Amino acid sequence: MKYVTANSGTVAVGLAFGPIVPEFVRANPDLIDYVEIPFEQLRHTPEVGTIQETVPVILHCASMSVAGFVPPDQRTLKAIGREAERTKTPWIGEHLAFIIADSIEDDDDKPTSLTYTVCPQMSDETVERVASNLGSLQEHFDVPLILENSPQYFEVPGSSLSMVDFVSAVVKRCKVGLLLDLTHFVISMLNTKKDPLSEIDRMPLEQVVEVHVSGLNVQSGVAWDDHALPAPPIVFDLLERVMKHVRPKAVTLEYNWSPQFPESMLVKHIDRVHKIVRC
């Protein structure tokens, strides 16, 4: 079985693990190059890792709280390291966000675990905090960490940088690879009234290692991430634009929230990504 490698000259195309993926892989063994699996899913449902017997795996993560003040516990870091070794992942994608916060109780020093990765304050102070956290975290792993841009749902209090300037500053300061989530990017641009097609050129595209593609929906005027829906045309337009600047190592379709995602649509979108990355 051929594993995805950080030094491959081709752009691999894969799927985020979800209810439809095992059967889809069995029925379409030549359509995808890998499956991306969240560490949290492997931790709580280890049997999903058996898919590695038929297709390579890339490890994703939402537990390190890279942009937070409260670090993850050592047990979690060791568990991530074990999964990185077991899956032979070429890198670990982690959110440029925080998932752990200080206790909400004044008399309790136990950290609060959030249920969703939260976009941090976008400021020079946060850039320095990410650099410090990332330096400590990388020591635990033999493969590189790459950072994924968060979706911005509202104006984050205390921010002095736009999403594009913040991500660019982090990548430059930390000399880290970027997991460019194009749907997160579109969401951020829509919610802050910016043009995604012009703003994408200001992103540090030369540092893109992996790209995420997924759906979104708009509720009460706010765009939200939605992996149960197919990606809108603007996401594929952005992918074409990105490919003019850089050859990422991988493009992952994140259609993993619905057990009824139409197979015909999935095949159509995989074929579309293949055509874009091969141009």
C-alpha atoms as a PDB file:
ATOM      1  CA  MET A   1       0.000   0.000   0.000  1.00  0.00           C
ATOM      2  CA  LYS A   2       1.412   3.380  -1.017  1.00  0.00           C
ATOM      3  CA  TYR A   3       1.432   5.971   1.759  1.00  0.00           C
ATOM      4  CA  VAL A   4       0.987   9.687   1.286  1.00  0.00           C
ATOM      5  CA  THR A   5       4.334  11.336   1.939  1.00  0.00           C
ATOM      6  CA  ALA A   6       5.368  14.895   2.629  1.00  0.00           C
ATOM      7  CA  ASN A   7       7.841  14.710  -0.265  1.00  0.00           C
ATOM      8  CA  SER A   8       5.536  13.309  -2.944  1.00  0.00           C
ATOM      9  CA  GLY A   9       5.534  15.266  -6.181  1.00  0.00           C
ATOM     10  CA  THR A  10       1.834  14.650  -6.841  1.00  0.00           C
ATOM     11  CA  VAL A  11      -1.246  16.095  -5.170  1.00  0.00           C
ATOM     12  CA  ALA A  12      -3.068  13.355  -3.271  1.00  0.00           C
ATOM     13  CA  VAL A  13      -6.872  13.502  -3.028  1.00  0.00           C
ATOM     14  CA  GLY A  14      -8.638  12.098   0.029  1.00  0.00           C
ATOM     15  CA  LEU A  15     -11.754  12.030   2.194  1.00  0.00           C
ATOM     16  CA  ALA A  16     -12.348  12.936   5.815  1.00  0.00           C
ATOM     17  CA  PHE A  17     -13.562   9.872   7.701  1.00  0.00           C
ATOM     18  CA  GLY A  18     -17.327   9.688   8.150  1.00  0.00           C
ATOM     19  CA  PRO A  19     -20.265   7.252   8.068  1.00  0.00           C
ATOM     20  CA  ILE A  20     -20.177   6.791   4.298  1.00  0.00           C
ATOM     21  CA  VAL A  21     -16.416   6.443   3.887  1.00  0.00           C
ATOM     22  CA  PRO A  22     -15.653   2.731   4.620  1.00  0.00           C
ATOM     23  CA  GLU A  23     -18.224   1.465   2.114  1.00  0.00           C
ATOM     24  CA  PHE A  24     -17.268   4.158  -0.398  1.00  0.00           C
ATOM     25  CA  VAL A  25     -13.613   3.124  -0.215  1.00  0.00           C
ATOM     26  CA  ARG A  26     -14.527  -0.533  -0.732  1.00  0.00           C
ATOM     27  CA  ALA A  27     -16.721   0.307  -3.718  1.00  0.00           C
ATOM     28  CA  ASN A  28     -14.334   2.860  -5.250  1.00  0.00           C
ATOM     29  CA  PRO A  29     -10.787   1.730  -4.374  1.00  0.00           C
ATOM     30  CA  ASP A  30      -9.118   3.821  -7.092  1.00  0.00           C
ATOM     31  CA  LEU A  31     -10.833   7.161  -6.489  1.00  0.00           C
ATOM     32  CA  ILE A  32      -9.053   8.370  -3.346  1.00  0.00           C
ATOM     33  CA  ASP A  33      -5.467   8.249  -2.101  1.00  0.00           C
ATOM     34  CA  TYR A  34      -6.043   8.463   1.666  1.00  0.00           C
ATOM     35  CA  VAL A  35      -8.552   8.995   4.464  1.00  0.00           C
ATOM     36  CA  GLU A  36      -8.111  11.755   7.031  1.00  0.00           C
ATOM     37  CA  ILE A  37      -9.162  10.720  10.543  1.00  0.00           C
ATOM     38  CA  PRO A  38      -9.480  12.962  13.608  1.00  0.00           C
ATOM     39  CA  PHE A  39      -7.399  11.889  16.582  1.00  0.00           C
ATOM     40  CA  GLU A  40     -10.468  12.371  18.787  1.00  0.00           C
ATOM     41  CA  GLN A  41     -12.390   9.806  16.760  1.00  0.00           C
ATOM     42  CA  LEU A  42      -9.565   7.291  16.991  1.00  0.00           C
ATOM     43  CA  ARG A  43      -9.315   7.896  20.727  1.00  0.00           C
ATOM     44  CA  HIS A  44     -12.981   7.222  21.405  1.00  0.00           C
ATOM     45  CA  THR A  45     -13.707   4.727  18.612  1.00  0.00           C
ATOM     46  CA  PRO A  46     -10.406   2.922  17.901  1.00  0.00           C
ATOM     47  CA  GLU A  47     -11.990   0.496  15.452  1.00  0.00           C
ATOM     48  CA  VAL A  48     -12.290   3.241  12.807  1.00  0.00           C
ATOM     49  CA  GLY A  49      -8.524   2.907  12.451  1.00  0.00           C
ATOM     50  CA  THR A  50      -8.946  -0.442  10.720  1.00  0.00           C
ATOM     51  CA  ILE A  51      -9.528   1.456   7.486  1.00  0.00           C
ATOM     52  CA  GLN A  52      -5.750   1.869   7.445  1.00  0.00           C
ATOM     53  CA  GLU A  53      -5.585  -1.752   6.299  1.00  0.00           C
ATOM     54  CA  THR A  54      -6.932  -0.702   2.892  1.00  0.00           C
ATOM     55  CA  VAL A  55      -6.049   2.986   2.476  1.00  0.00           C
ATOM     56  CA  PRO A  56      -3.389   5.337   3.932  1.00  0.00           C
ATOM     57  CA  VAL A  57      -4.364   7.653   6.765  1.00  0.00           C
ATOM     58  CA  ILE A  58      -3.607  11.303   7.551  1.00  0.00           C
ATOM     59  CA  LEU A  59      -4.092  12.350  11.169  1.00  0.00           C
ATOM     60  CA  HIS A  60      -6.144  15.427  11.987  1.00  0.00           C
ATOM     61  CA  CYS A  61      -6.516  16.934  15.449  1.00  0.00           C
ATOM     62  CA  ALA A  62      -8.551  19.371  17.537  1.00  0.00           C
ATOM     63  CA  SER A  63      -7.067  18.792  20.990  1.00  0.00           C
ATOM     64  CA  MET A  64      -3.851  20.802  21.246  1.00  0.00           C
ATOM     65  CA  SER A  65      -5.376  24.273  21.758  1.00  0.00           C
ATOM     66  CA  VAL A  66      -2.511  25.871  19.848  1.00  0.00           C
ATOM     67  CA  ALA A  67      -3.874  29.409  20.217  1.00  0.00           C
ATOM     68  CA  GLY A  68      -4.937  29.088  23.848  1.00  0.00           C
ATOM     69  CA  PHE A  69      -3.515  29.972  27.245  1.00  0.00           C
ATOM     70  CA  VAL A  70      -4.216  26.521  28.741  1.00  0.00           C
ATOM     71  CA  PRO A  71      -2.063  23.654  27.396  1.00  0.00           C
ATOM     72  CA  PRO A  72      -3.350  20.139  26.741  1.00  0.00           C
ATOM     73  CA  ASP A  73      -2.462  17.486  29.319  1.00  0.00           C
ATOM     74  CA  GLN A  74       0.514  15.206  28.761  1.00  0.00           C
ATOM     75  CA  ARG A  75      -1.700  12.145  28.475  1.00  0.00           C
ATOM     76  CA  THR A  76      -3.437  13.652  25.455  1.00  0.00           C
ATOM     77  CA  LEU A  77      -0.147  14.577  23.791  1.00  0.00           C
ATOM     78  CA  LYS A  78       1.224  11.075  24.302  1.00  0.00           C
ATOM     79  CA  ALA A  79      -1.950   9.595  22.833  1.00  0.00           C
ATOM     80  CA  ILE A  80      -1.675  11.834  19.765  1.00  0.00           C
ATOM     81  CA  GLY A  81       1.949  10.774  19.378  1.00  0.00           C
ATOM     82  CA  ARG A  82       0.997   7.093  19.494  1.00  0.00           C
ATOM     83  CA  GLU A  83      -1.633   7.575  16.804  1.00  0.00           C
ATOM     84  CA  ALA A  84       0.822   9.528  14.663  1.00  0.00           C
ATOM     85  CA  GLU A  85       3.264   6.609  14.818  1.00  0.00           C
ATOM     86  CA  ARG A  86       0.601   3.962  14.274  1.00  0.00           C
ATOM     87  CA  THR A  87      -1.042   5.660  11.304  1.00  0.00           C
ATOM     88  CA  LYS A  88       2.281   6.647   9.692  1.00  0.00           C
ATOM     89  CA  THR A  89       0.762  10.058   9.021  1.00  0.00           C
ATOM     90  CA  PRO A  90       3.058  12.402   7.051  1.00  0.00           C
ATOM     91  CA  TRP A  91       1.956  15.375   9.204  1.00  0.00           C
ATOM     92  CA  ILE A  92      -0.615  16.299  11.846  1.00  0.00           C
ATOM     93  CA  GLY A  93      -3.147  18.981  10.990  1.00  0.00           C
ATOM     94  CA  GLU A  94      -4.260  21.063  13.975  1.00  0.00           C
ATOM     95  CA  HIS A  95      -6.624  24.037  14.232  1.00  0.00           C
ATOM     96  CA  LEU A  96      -5.303  27.558  14.675  1.00  0.00           C
ATOM     97  CA  ALA A  97      -7.746  27.918  17.552  1.00  0.00           C
ATOM     98  CA  PHE A  98      -8.269  26.990  21.174  1.00  0.00           C
ATOM     99  CA  ILE A  99     -10.299  24.158  22.684  1.00  0.00           C
ATOM    100  CA  ILE A 100      -9.311  24.544  26.354  1.00  0.00           C
ATOM    101  CA  ALA A 101      -9.986  27.551  28.591  1.00  0.00           C
ATOM    102  CA  ASP A 102      -9.607  28.525  32.227  1.00  0.00           C
ATOM    103  CA  SER A 103     -12.151  27.174  34.663  1.00  0.00           C
ATOM    104  CA  ILE A 104     -15.491  28.981  34.686  1.00  0.00           C
ATOM    105  CA  GLU A 105     -15.693  28.498  38.457  1.00  0.00           C
ATOM    106  CA  ASP A 106     -13.642  30.846  40.663  1.00  0.00           C
ATOM    107  CA  ASP A 107     -12.860  28.102  43.190  1.00  0.00           C
ATOM    108  CA  ASP A 108     -11.996  25.417  40.644  1.00  0.00           C
ATOM    109  CA  ASP A 109      -8.622  25.152  38.916  1.00  0.00           C
ATOM    110  CA  LYS A 110      -9.773  22.445  36.491  1.00  0.00           C
ATOM    111  CA  PRO A 111      -9.631  23.720  32.872  1.00  0.00           C
ATOM    112  CA  THR A 112     -12.819  24.021  30.872  1.00  0.00           C
ATOM    113  CA  SER A 113     -12.947  21.811  27.783  1.00  0.00           C
ATOM    114  CA  LEU A 114     -14.942  23.453  25.019  1.00  0.00           C
ATOM    115  CA  THR A 115     -17.052  21.468  22.570  1.00  0.00           C
ATOM    116  CA  TYR A 116     -15.825  23.335  19.489  1.00  0.00           C
ATOM    117  CA  THR A 117     -12.531  24.837  18.383  1.00  0.00           C
ATOM    118  CA  VAL A 118     -12.827  28.601  18.851  1.00  0.00           C
ATOM    119  CA  CYS A 119     -11.250  31.274  16.686  1.00  0.00           C
ATOM    120  CA  PRO A 120      -8.842  33.235  18.924  1.00  0.00           C
ATOM    121  CA  GLN A 121      -8.325  36.948  19.275  1.00  0.00           C
ATOM    122  CA  MET A 122      -6.367  37.896  16.171  1.00  0.00           C
ATOM    123  CA  SER A 123      -3.528  40.057  17.450  1.00  0.00           C
ATOM    124  CA  ASP A 124       0.242  40.238  17.705  1.00  0.00           C
ATOM    125  CA  GLU A 125      -0.028  38.862  21.233  1.00  0.00           C
ATOM    126  CA  THR A 126      -1.800  35.741  19.979  1.00  0.00           C
ATOM    127  CA  VAL A 127       0.795  35.289  17.232  1.00  0.00           C
ATOM    128  CA  GLU A 128       3.504  35.154  19.898  1.00  0.00           C
ATOM    129  CA  ARG A 129       1.458  32.783  22.035  1.00  0.00           C
ATOM    130  CA  VAL A 130       0.970  30.433  19.073  1.00  0.00           C
ATOM    131  CA  ALA A 131       4.715  30.509  18.393  1.00  0.00           C
ATOM    132  CA  SER A 132       5.467  29.591  22.007  1.00  0.00           C
ATOM    133  CA  ASN A 133       2.828  26.860  22.146  1.00  0.00           C
ATOM    134  CA  LEU A 134       3.797  25.388  18.810  1.00  0.00           C
ATOM    135  CA  GLY A 135       7.452  25.170  19.784  1.00  0.00           C
ATOM    136  CA  SER A 136       6.558  23.158  22.884  1.00  0.00           C
ATOM    137  CA  LEU A 137       4.040  20.941  21.099  1.00  0.00           C
ATOM    138  CA  GLN A 138       6.241  20.050  18.120  1.00  0.00           C
ATOM    139  CA  GLU A 139       8.778  18.442  20.455  1.00  0.00           C
ATOM    140  CA  HIS A 140       6.295  15.627  21.110  1.00  0.00           C
ATOM    141  CA  PHE A 141       6.065  14.481  17.482  1.00  0.00           C
ATOM    142  CA  ASP A 142       8.373  13.132  14.805  1.00  0.00           C
ATOM    143  CA  VAL A 143       6.217  14.536  11.997  1.00  0.00           C
ATOM    144  CA  PRO A 144       5.464  18.234  11.429  1.00  0.00           C
ATOM    145  CA  LEU A 145       2.421  20.018  12.775  1.00  0.00           C
ATOM    146  CA  ILE A 146       0.558  22.132  10.224  1.00  0.00           C
ATOM    147  CA  LEU A 147      -2.050  24.737  11.198  1.00  0.00           C
ATOM    148  CA  GLU A 148      -5.587  25.101   9.852  1.00  0.00           C
ATOM    149  CA  ASN A 149      -7.231  28.522   9.501  1.00  0.00           C
ATOM    150  CA  SER A 150     -10.358  28.831  11.652  1.00  0.00           C
ATOM    151  CA  PRO A 151     -13.775  29.991  10.446  1.00  0.00           C
ATOM    152  CA  GLN A 152     -14.617  33.454  11.748  1.00  0.00           C
ATOM    153  CA  TYR A 153     -18.276  33.771  12.668  1.00  0.00           C
ATOM    154  CA  PHE A 154     -18.196  37.239  14.258  1.00  0.00           C
ATOM    155  CA  GLU A 155     -15.895  40.151  15.001  1.00  0.00           C
ATOM    156  CA  VAL A 156     -13.572  38.742  17.662  1.00  0.00           C
ATOM    157  CA  PRO A 157     -13.197  41.206  20.573  1.00  0.00           C
ATOM    158  CA  GLY A 158      -9.729  42.683  20.962  1.00  0.00           C
ATOM    159  CA  SER A 159      -8.553  41.690  17.488  1.00  0.00           C
ATOM    160  CA  SER A 160      -6.207  44.065  15.708  1.00  0.00           C
ATOM    161  CA  LEU A 161      -5.555  41.883  12.645  1.00  0.00           C
ATOM    162  CA  SER A 162      -7.814  40.570   9.895  1.00  0.00           C
ATOM    163  CA  MET A 163      -8.032  36.812   9.420  1.00  0.00           C
ATOM    164  CA  VAL A 164      -5.698  36.943   6.406  1.00  0.00           C
ATOM    165  CA  ASP A 165      -3.127  39.105   8.209  1.00  0.00           C
ATOM    166  CA  PHE A 166      -3.328  36.941  11.332  1.00  0.00           C
ATOM    167  CA  VAL A 167      -2.789  33.660   9.486  1.00  0.00           C
ATOM    168  CA  SER A 168       0.027  35.224   7.463  1.00  0.00           C
ATOM    169  CA  ALA A 169       1.724  36.529  10.621  1.00  0.00           C
ATOM    170  CA  VAL A 170       1.484  33.131  12.343  1.00  0.00           C
ATOM    171  CA  VAL A 171       2.892  31.262   9.355  1.00  0.00           C
ATOM    172  CA  LYS A 172       5.779  33.734   8.995  1.00  0.00           C
ATOM    173  CA  ARG A 173       6.569  33.867  12.726  1.00  0.00           C
ATOM    174  CA  CYS A 174       6.351  30.104  13.271  1.00  0.00           C
ATOM    175  CA  LYS A 175       7.722  28.952   9.899  1.00  0.00           C
ATOM    176  CA  VAL A 176       4.904  26.407   9.865  1.00  0.00           C
ATOM    177  CA  GLY A 177       2.972  24.712   7.090  1.00  0.00           C
ATOM    178  CA  LEU A 178      -0.623  25.746   6.424  1.00  0.00           C
ATOM    179  CA  LEU A 179      -3.684  23.540   6.193  1.00  0.00           C
ATOM    180  CA  LEU A 180      -5.805  25.867   4.091  1.00  0.00           C
ATOM    181  CA  ASP A 181      -9.474  25.184   4.727  1.00  0.00           C
ATOM    182  CA  LEU A 182     -11.080  26.925   1.765  1.00  0.00           C
ATOM    183  CA  THR A 183     -14.573  26.713   3.208  1.00  0.00           C
ATOM    184  CA  HIS A 184     -13.405  28.231   6.505  1.00  0.00           C
ATOM    185  CA  PHE A 185     -11.808  30.949   4.402  1.00  0.00           C
ATOM    186  CA  VAL A 186     -15.020  31.654   2.465  1.00  0.00           C
ATOM    187  CA  ILE A 187     -17.011  31.716   5.720  1.00  0.00           C
ATOM    188  CA  SER A 188     -14.591  34.222   7.244  1.00  0.00           C
ATOM    189  CA  MET A 189     -14.730  36.451   4.186  1.00  0.00           C
ATOM    190  CA  LEU A 190     -18.534  36.364   3.962  1.00  0.00           C
ATOM    191  CA  ASN A 191     -18.951  37.116   7.662  1.00  0.00           C
ATOM    192  CA  THR A 192     -16.511  40.038   7.553  1.00  0.00           C
ATOM    193  CA  LYS A 193     -17.793  41.405   4.219  1.00  0.00           C
ATOM    194  CA  LYS A 194     -14.601  40.788   2.245  1.00  0.00           C
ATOM    195  CA  ASP A 195     -14.099  39.400  -1.255  1.00  0.00           C
ATOM    196  CA  PRO A 196     -12.674  35.860  -1.061  1.00  0.00           C
ATOM    197  CA  LEU A 197     -11.303  35.910  -4.610  1.00  0.00           C
ATOM    198  CA  SER A 198      -9.118  38.947  -3.968  1.00  0.00           C
ATOM    199  CA  GLU A 199      -8.225  38.119  -0.371  1.00  0.00           C
ATOM    200  CA  ILE A 200      -7.024  34.579  -1.195  1.00  0.00           C
ATOM    201  CA  ASP A 201      -4.037  36.041  -3.040  1.00  0.00           C
ATOM    202  CA  ARG A 202      -2.892  37.679   0.221  1.00  0.00           C
ATOM    203  CA  MET A 203      -2.744  34.358   2.046  1.00  0.00           C
ATOM    204  CA  PRO A 204       0.690  32.684   2.491  1.00  0.00           C
ATOM    205  CA  LEU A 205      -0.101  30.180  -0.250  1.00  0.00           C
ATOM    206  CA  GLU A 206       3.528  29.121  -0.665  1.00  0.00           C
ATOM    207  CA  GLN A 207       3.233  27.427   2.755  1.00  0.00           C
ATOM    208  CA  VAL A 208       0.101  25.382   1.962  1.00  0.00           C
ATOM    209  CA  VAL A 209       0.637  21.670   2.624  1.00  0.00           C
ATOM    210  CA  GLU A 210      -2.974  20.463   2.596  1.00  0.00           C
ATOM    211  CA  VAL A 211      -6.316  21.897   1.507  1.00  0.00           C
ATOM    212  CA  HIS A 212      -9.780  21.206   2.976  1.00  0.00           C
ATOM    213  CA  VAL A 213     -12.976  21.405   0.925  1.00  0.00           C
ATOM    214  CA  SER A 214     -16.459  21.198   2.486  1.00  0.00           C
ATOM    215  CA  GLY A 215     -19.912  22.753   2.459  1.00  0.00           C
ATOM    216  CA  LEU A 216     -21.399  25.732   4.260  1.00  0.00           C
ATOM    217  CA  ASN A 217     -24.808  27.139   5.003  1.00  0.00           C
ATOM    218  CA  VAL A 218     -26.113  30.591   5.870  1.00  0.00           C
ATOM    219  CA  GLN A 219     -28.414  31.118   8.827  1.00  0.00           C
ATOM    220  CA  SER A 220     -29.768  34.556   9.783  1.00  0.00           C
ATOM    221  CA  GLY A 221     -27.142  36.192   7.612  1.00  0.00           C
ATOM    222  CA  VAL A 222     -24.194  34.273   9.129  1.00  0.00           C
ATOM    223  CA  ALA A 223     -22.231  31.658   7.161  1.00  0.00           C
ATOM    224  CA  TRP A 224     -21.456  28.429   9.038  1.00  0.00           C
ATOM    225  CA  ASP A 225     -19.321  25.363   8.384  1.00  0.00           C
ATOM    226  CA  ASP A 226     -21.413  22.368   7.248  1.00  0.00           C
ATOM    227  CA  HIS A 227     -19.790  19.064   6.284  1.00  0.00           C
ATOM    228  CA  ALA A 228     -23.195  17.577   5.399  1.00  0.00           C
ATOM    229  CA  LEU A 229     -23.466  19.793   2.312  1.00  0.00           C
ATOM    230  CA  PRO A 230     -21.426  19.826  -0.911  1.00  0.00           C
ATOM    231  CA  ALA A 231     -18.964  22.653  -1.402  1.00  0.00           C
ATOM    232  CA  PRO A 232     -20.358  25.683  -3.272  1.00  0.00           C
ATOM    233  CA  PRO A 233     -18.812  26.756  -6.610  1.00  0.00           C
ATOM    234  CA  ILE A 234     -16.725  29.526  -4.979  1.00  0.00           C
ATOM    235  CA  VAL A 235     -14.698  26.903  -3.088  1.00  0.00           C
ATOM    236  CA  PHE A 236     -13.669  25.195  -6.326  1.00  0.00           C
ATOM    237  CA  ASP A 237     -12.919  28.582  -7.897  1.00  0.00           C
ATOM    238  CA  LEU A 238     -10.579  29.270  -4.978  1.00  0.00           C
ATOM    239  CA  LEU A 239      -8.951  25.859  -5.323  1.00  0.00           C
ATOM    240  CA  GLU A 240      -8.176  26.615  -8.949  1.00  0.00           C
ATOM    241  CA  ARG A 241      -6.690  29.948  -7.898  1.00  0.00           C
ATOM    242  CA  VAL A 242      -4.586  28.326  -5.156  1.00  0.00           C
ATOM    243  CA  MET A 243      -3.240  25.758  -7.619  1.00  0.00           C
ATOM    244  CA  LYS A 244      -1.808  28.595  -9.738  1.00  0.00           C
ATOM    245  CA  HIS A 245       0.407  29.534  -6.778  1.00  0.00           C
ATOM    246  CA  VAL A 246       1.329  26.233  -5.126  1.00  0.00           C
ATOM    247  CA  ARG A 247       1.187  22.454  -5.454  1.00  0.00           C
ATOM    248  CA  PRO A 248      -0.108  21.260  -2.073  1.00  0.00           C
ATOM    249  CA  LYS A 249       0.617  17.715  -0.945  1.00  0.00           C
ATOM    250  CA  ALA A 250      -3.046  16.826  -0.452  1.00  0.00           C
ATOM    251  CA  VAL A 251      -6.647  17.982  -0.932  1.00  0.00           C
ATOM    252  CA  THR A 252      -9.246  16.558   1.481  1.00  0.00           C
ATOM    253  CA  LEU A 253     -12.992  16.610   0.882  1.00  0.00           C
ATOM    254  CA  GLU A 254     -14.740  16.892   4.241  1.00  0.00           C
ATOM    255  CA  TYR A 255     -18.182  15.467   3.502  1.00  0.00           C
ATOM    256  CA  ASN A 256     -18.332  13.529   6.750  1.00  0.00           C
ATOM    257  CA  TRP A 257     -21.338  14.688   8.771  1.00  0.00           C
ATOM    258  CA  SER A 258     -24.151  12.897   6.968  1.00  0.00           C
ATOM    259  CA  PRO A 259     -24.724   9.151   6.454  1.00  0.00           C
ATOM    260  CA  GLN A 260     -26.901  10.022   3.435  1.00  0.00           C
ATOM    261  CA  PHE A 261     -24.435  12.120   1.431  1.00  0.00           C
ATOM    262  CA  PRO A 262     -25.183  11.225  -2.227  1.00  0.00           C
ATOM    263  CA  GLU A 263     -22.498   8.955  -3.671  1.00  0.00           C
ATOM    264  CA  SER A 264     -23.011  10.414  -7.149  1.00  0.00           C
ATOM    265  CA  MET A 265     -22.291  13.910  -5.807  1.00  0.00           C
ATOM    266  CA  LEU A 266     -19.235  12.662  -3.944  1.00  0.00           C
ATOM    267  CA  VAL A 267     -17.836  11.008  -7.062  1.00  0.00           C
ATOM    268  CA  LYS A 268     -18.547  14.156  -9.075  1.00  0.00           C
ATOM    269  CA  HIS A 269     -16.683  16.369  -6.607  1.00  0.00           C
ATOM    270  CA  ILE A 270     -13.735  13.976  -6.300  1.00  0.00           C
ATOM    271  CA  ASP A 271     -13.434  13.955 -10.099  1.00  0.00           C
ATOM    272  CA  ARG A 272     -13.595  17.753 -10.127  1.00  0.00           C
ATOM    273  CA  VAL A 273     -10.790  18.025  -7.584  1.00  0.00           C
ATOM    274  CA  HIS A 274      -8.681  15.528  -9.562  1.00  0.00           C
ATOM    275  CA  LYS A 275      -9.101  17.624 -12.694  1.00  0.00           C
ATOM    276  CA  ILE A 276      -8.173  20.837 -10.902  1.00  0.00           C
ATOM    277  CA  VAL A 277      -5.024  19.463  -9.254  1.00  0.00           C
ATOM    278  CA  ARG A 278      -3.829  17.830 -12.470  1.00  0.00           C
ATOM    279  CA  CYS A 279      -4.044  20.961 -14.593  1.00  0.00           C
END
